Amino acid sequence: MRVEGGFFERVYAQVEEIPPGRVATYGQVAALLGIPRGARAVGWALRALPEPRAAAVPWHRVVGAGGRISPRAGSGPIIQRRRLRAEGVRFRNARIDLSRYGLLSP
């Protein structure tokens, strides 16, 4: 469990670096951590984000490939979309323009 906890903490720290109004994909977060094929593991880490910590980690700034909010049960996708829109991120056909709002865009 120590290994997972360390990885999860690295994910949370990396996500905290995403500025407001920008997004990163799960794959980009994984690549920044040095794990280029670790997108799914980033998703697991964010899904396991404990409630008290979720207030500090901007998990809503991480989206699926192609700029889509990843489907999941519960109100998470609605909250994510709401938070992103509040930061000025706009959607077109349920997608975010990664060339405009992506972490690695100009």
C-alpha atoms as a PDB file:
ATOM      1  CA  MET A   1       0.000   0.000   0.000  1.00  0.00           C
ATOM      2  CA  ARG A   2       2.939   2.305   0.536  1.00  0.00           C
ATOM      3  CA  VAL A   3       3.776   2.261  -3.149  1.00  0.00           C
ATOM      4  CA  GLU A   4       0.194   3.169  -4.143  1.00  0.00           C
ATOM      5  CA  GLY A   5       0.055   5.893  -1.511  1.00  0.00           C
ATOM      6  CA  GLY A   6       3.300   7.370  -2.842  1.00  0.00           C
ATOM      7  CA  PHE A   7       2.052   7.252  -6.424  1.00  0.00           C
ATOM      8  CA  PHE A   8      -1.312   8.706  -5.466  1.00  0.00           C
ATOM      9  CA  GLU A   9       0.405  11.571  -3.626  1.00  0.00           C
ATOM     10  CA  ARG A  10       2.557  12.243  -6.700  1.00  0.00           C
ATOM     11  CA  VAL A  11      -0.607  12.380  -8.827  1.00  0.00           C
ATOM     12  CA  TYR A  12      -2.269  14.799  -6.415  1.00  0.00           C
ATOM     13  CA  ALA A  13       0.819  17.036  -6.332  1.00  0.00           C
ATOM     14  CA  GLN A  14       0.983  17.095 -10.140  1.00  0.00           C
ATOM     15  CA  VAL A  15      -2.723  17.900 -10.470  1.00  0.00           C
ATOM     16  CA  GLU A  16      -2.298  20.755  -7.979  1.00  0.00           C
ATOM     17  CA  GLU A  17       0.090  22.330 -10.510  1.00  0.00           C
ATOM     18  CA  ILE A  18      -2.607  22.670 -13.200  1.00  0.00           C
ATOM     19  CA  PRO A  19      -3.581  26.350 -13.201  1.00  0.00           C
ATOM     20  CA  PRO A  20      -7.188  27.556 -13.172  1.00  0.00           C
ATOM     21  CA  GLY A  21      -8.702  27.697 -16.642  1.00  0.00           C
ATOM     22  CA  ARG A  22      -6.473  24.899 -17.930  1.00  0.00           C
ATOM     23  CA  VAL A  23      -6.960  21.148 -18.170  1.00  0.00           C
ATOM     24  CA  ALA A  24      -4.731  18.125 -18.607  1.00  0.00           C
ATOM     25  CA  THR A  25      -5.625  14.653 -19.771  1.00  0.00           C
ATOM     26  CA  TYR A  26      -5.077  11.607 -17.603  1.00  0.00           C
ATOM     27  CA  GLY A  27      -2.351  10.599 -20.043  1.00  0.00           C
ATOM     28  CA  GLN A  28      -0.592  13.952 -19.792  1.00  0.00           C
ATOM     29  CA  VAL A  29      -0.547  13.762 -15.999  1.00  0.00           C
ATOM     30  CA  ALA A  30       0.904  10.253 -16.230  1.00  0.00           C
ATOM     31  CA  ALA A  31       3.549  11.374 -18.730  1.00  0.00           C
ATOM     32  CA  LEU A  32       4.544  14.293 -16.502  1.00  0.00           C
ATOM     33  CA  LEU A  33       5.055  11.745 -13.716  1.00  0.00           C
ATOM     34  CA  GLY A  34       7.329   9.694 -15.965  1.00  0.00           C
ATOM     35  CA  ILE A  35       4.758   6.949 -16.572  1.00  0.00           C
ATOM     36  CA  PRO A  36       3.692   7.479 -20.194  1.00  0.00           C
ATOM     37  CA  ARG A  37       1.213   4.586 -20.213  1.00  0.00           C
ATOM     38  CA  GLY A  38      -0.215   5.297 -16.773  1.00  0.00           C
ATOM     39  CA  ALA A  39      -3.400   7.206 -17.645  1.00  0.00           C
ATOM     40  CA  ARG A  40      -5.629   4.593 -16.073  1.00  0.00           C
ATOM     41  CA  ALA A  41      -3.601   4.625 -12.859  1.00  0.00           C
ATOM     42  CA  VAL A  42      -4.021   8.414 -12.679  1.00  0.00           C
ATOM     43  CA  GLY A  43      -7.773   7.841 -12.925  1.00  0.00           C
ATOM     44  CA  TRP A  44      -7.631   5.331 -10.079  1.00  0.00           C
ATOM     45  CA  ALA A  45      -5.699   7.802  -7.926  1.00  0.00           C
ATOM     46  CA  LEU A  46      -8.204  10.575  -8.539  1.00  0.00           C
ATOM     47  CA  ARG A  47     -11.126   8.254  -7.905  1.00  0.00           C
ATOM     48  CA  ALA A  48      -9.533   7.354  -4.541  1.00  0.00           C
ATOM     49  CA  LEU A  49      -9.015  11.003  -3.571  1.00  0.00           C
ATOM     50  CA  PRO A  50     -10.170  11.274   0.047  1.00  0.00           C
ATOM     51  CA  GLU A  51     -12.945  13.792   0.699  1.00  0.00           C
ATOM     52  CA  PRO A  52     -11.027  16.215   2.918  1.00  0.00           C
ATOM     53  CA  ARG A  53      -8.188  16.369   0.376  1.00  0.00           C
ATOM     54  CA  ALA A  54     -10.546  16.706  -2.606  1.00  0.00           C
ATOM     55  CA  ALA A  55     -11.181  20.329  -1.617  1.00  0.00           C
ATOM     56  CA  ALA A  56      -7.498  21.181  -2.189  1.00  0.00           C
ATOM     57  CA  VAL A  57      -6.752  19.047  -5.265  1.00  0.00           C
ATOM     58  CA  PRO A  58      -8.344  20.455  -8.445  1.00  0.00           C
ATOM     59  CA  TRP A  59      -9.337  17.010  -9.765  1.00  0.00           C
ATOM     60  CA  HIS A  60     -11.875  18.658 -12.061  1.00  0.00           C
ATOM     61  CA  ARG A  61      -9.016  19.903 -14.272  1.00  0.00           C
ATOM     62  CA  VAL A  62      -8.187  16.382 -15.434  1.00  0.00           C
ATOM     63  CA  VAL A  63     -10.170  15.137 -18.423  1.00  0.00           C
ATOM     64  CA  GLY A  64     -10.197  12.209 -20.766  1.00  0.00           C
ATOM     65  CA  ALA A  65      -8.428  12.002 -24.088  1.00  0.00           C
ATOM     66  CA  GLY A  66      -9.955  14.268 -26.664  1.00  0.00           C
ATOM     67  CA  GLY A  67     -11.059  16.778 -24.029  1.00  0.00           C
ATOM     68  CA  ARG A  68     -14.066  14.866 -22.761  1.00  0.00           C
ATOM     69  CA  ILE A  69     -15.218  14.504 -19.193  1.00  0.00           C
ATOM     70  CA  SER A  70     -14.887  10.836 -18.360  1.00  0.00           C
ATOM     71  CA  PRO A  71     -18.227   9.152 -17.656  1.00  0.00           C
ATOM     72  CA  ARG A  72     -18.744   7.805 -14.155  1.00  0.00           C
ATOM     73  CA  ALA A  73     -21.566   7.254 -11.710  1.00  0.00           C
ATOM     74  CA  GLY A  74     -22.803   9.967  -9.420  1.00  0.00           C
ATOM     75  CA  SER A  75     -22.712  13.727  -9.712  1.00  0.00           C
ATOM     76  CA  GLY A  76     -18.970  13.952 -10.421  1.00  0.00           C
ATOM     77  CA  PRO A  77     -19.293  14.780 -14.143  1.00  0.00           C
ATOM     78  CA  ILE A  78     -21.855  17.517 -13.440  1.00  0.00           C
ATOM     79  CA  ILE A  79     -19.669  19.045 -10.717  1.00  0.00           C
ATOM     80  CA  GLN A  80     -16.614  18.800 -12.963  1.00  0.00           C
ATOM     81  CA  ARG A  81     -18.314  20.581 -15.857  1.00  0.00           C
ATOM     82  CA  ARG A  82     -19.664  23.274 -13.517  1.00  0.00           C
ATOM     83  CA  ARG A  83     -16.250  23.924 -11.954  1.00  0.00           C
ATOM     84  CA  LEU A  84     -14.505  24.088 -15.321  1.00  0.00           C
ATOM     85  CA  ARG A  85     -17.081  26.510 -16.710  1.00  0.00           C
ATOM     86  CA  ALA A  86     -16.645  28.681 -13.591  1.00  0.00           C
ATOM     87  CA  GLU A  87     -12.930  28.889 -14.460  1.00  0.00           C
ATOM     88  CA  GLY A  88     -13.714  30.033 -17.996  1.00  0.00           C
ATOM     89  CA  VAL A  89     -13.266  26.689 -19.756  1.00  0.00           C
ATOM     90  CA  ARG A  90     -15.792  26.346 -22.560  1.00  0.00           C
ATOM     91  CA  PHE A  91     -17.265  23.197 -24.055  1.00  0.00           C
ATOM     92  CA  ARG A  92     -18.234  22.565 -27.646  1.00  0.00           C
ATOM     93  CA  ASN A  93     -20.185  19.389 -28.354  1.00  0.00           C
ATOM     94  CA  ALA A  94     -19.300  18.101 -24.854  1.00  0.00           C
ATOM     95  CA  ARG A  95     -15.581  18.581 -25.555  1.00  0.00           C
ATOM     96  CA  ILE A  96     -12.927  20.972 -24.361  1.00  0.00           C
ATOM     97  CA  ASP A  97     -10.616  22.419 -27.003  1.00  0.00           C
ATOM     98  CA  LEU A  98      -7.281  21.113 -25.717  1.00  0.00           C
ATOM     99  CA  SER A  99      -5.367  23.404 -28.073  1.00  0.00           C
ATOM    100  CA  ARG A 100      -6.912  26.347 -26.235  1.00  0.00           C
ATOM    101  CA  TYR A 101      -7.373  25.117 -22.661  1.00  0.00           C
ATOM    102  CA  GLY A 102      -4.905  22.270 -22.478  1.00  0.00           C
ATOM    103  CA  LEU A 103      -2.035  22.424 -20.023  1.00  0.00           C
ATOM    104  CA  LEU A 104       0.517  22.175 -22.805  1.00  0.00           C
ATOM    105  CA  SER A 105      -1.147  24.745 -25.071  1.00  0.00           C
ATOM    106  CA  PRO A 106       0.213  28.316 -25.501  1.00  0.00           C
END
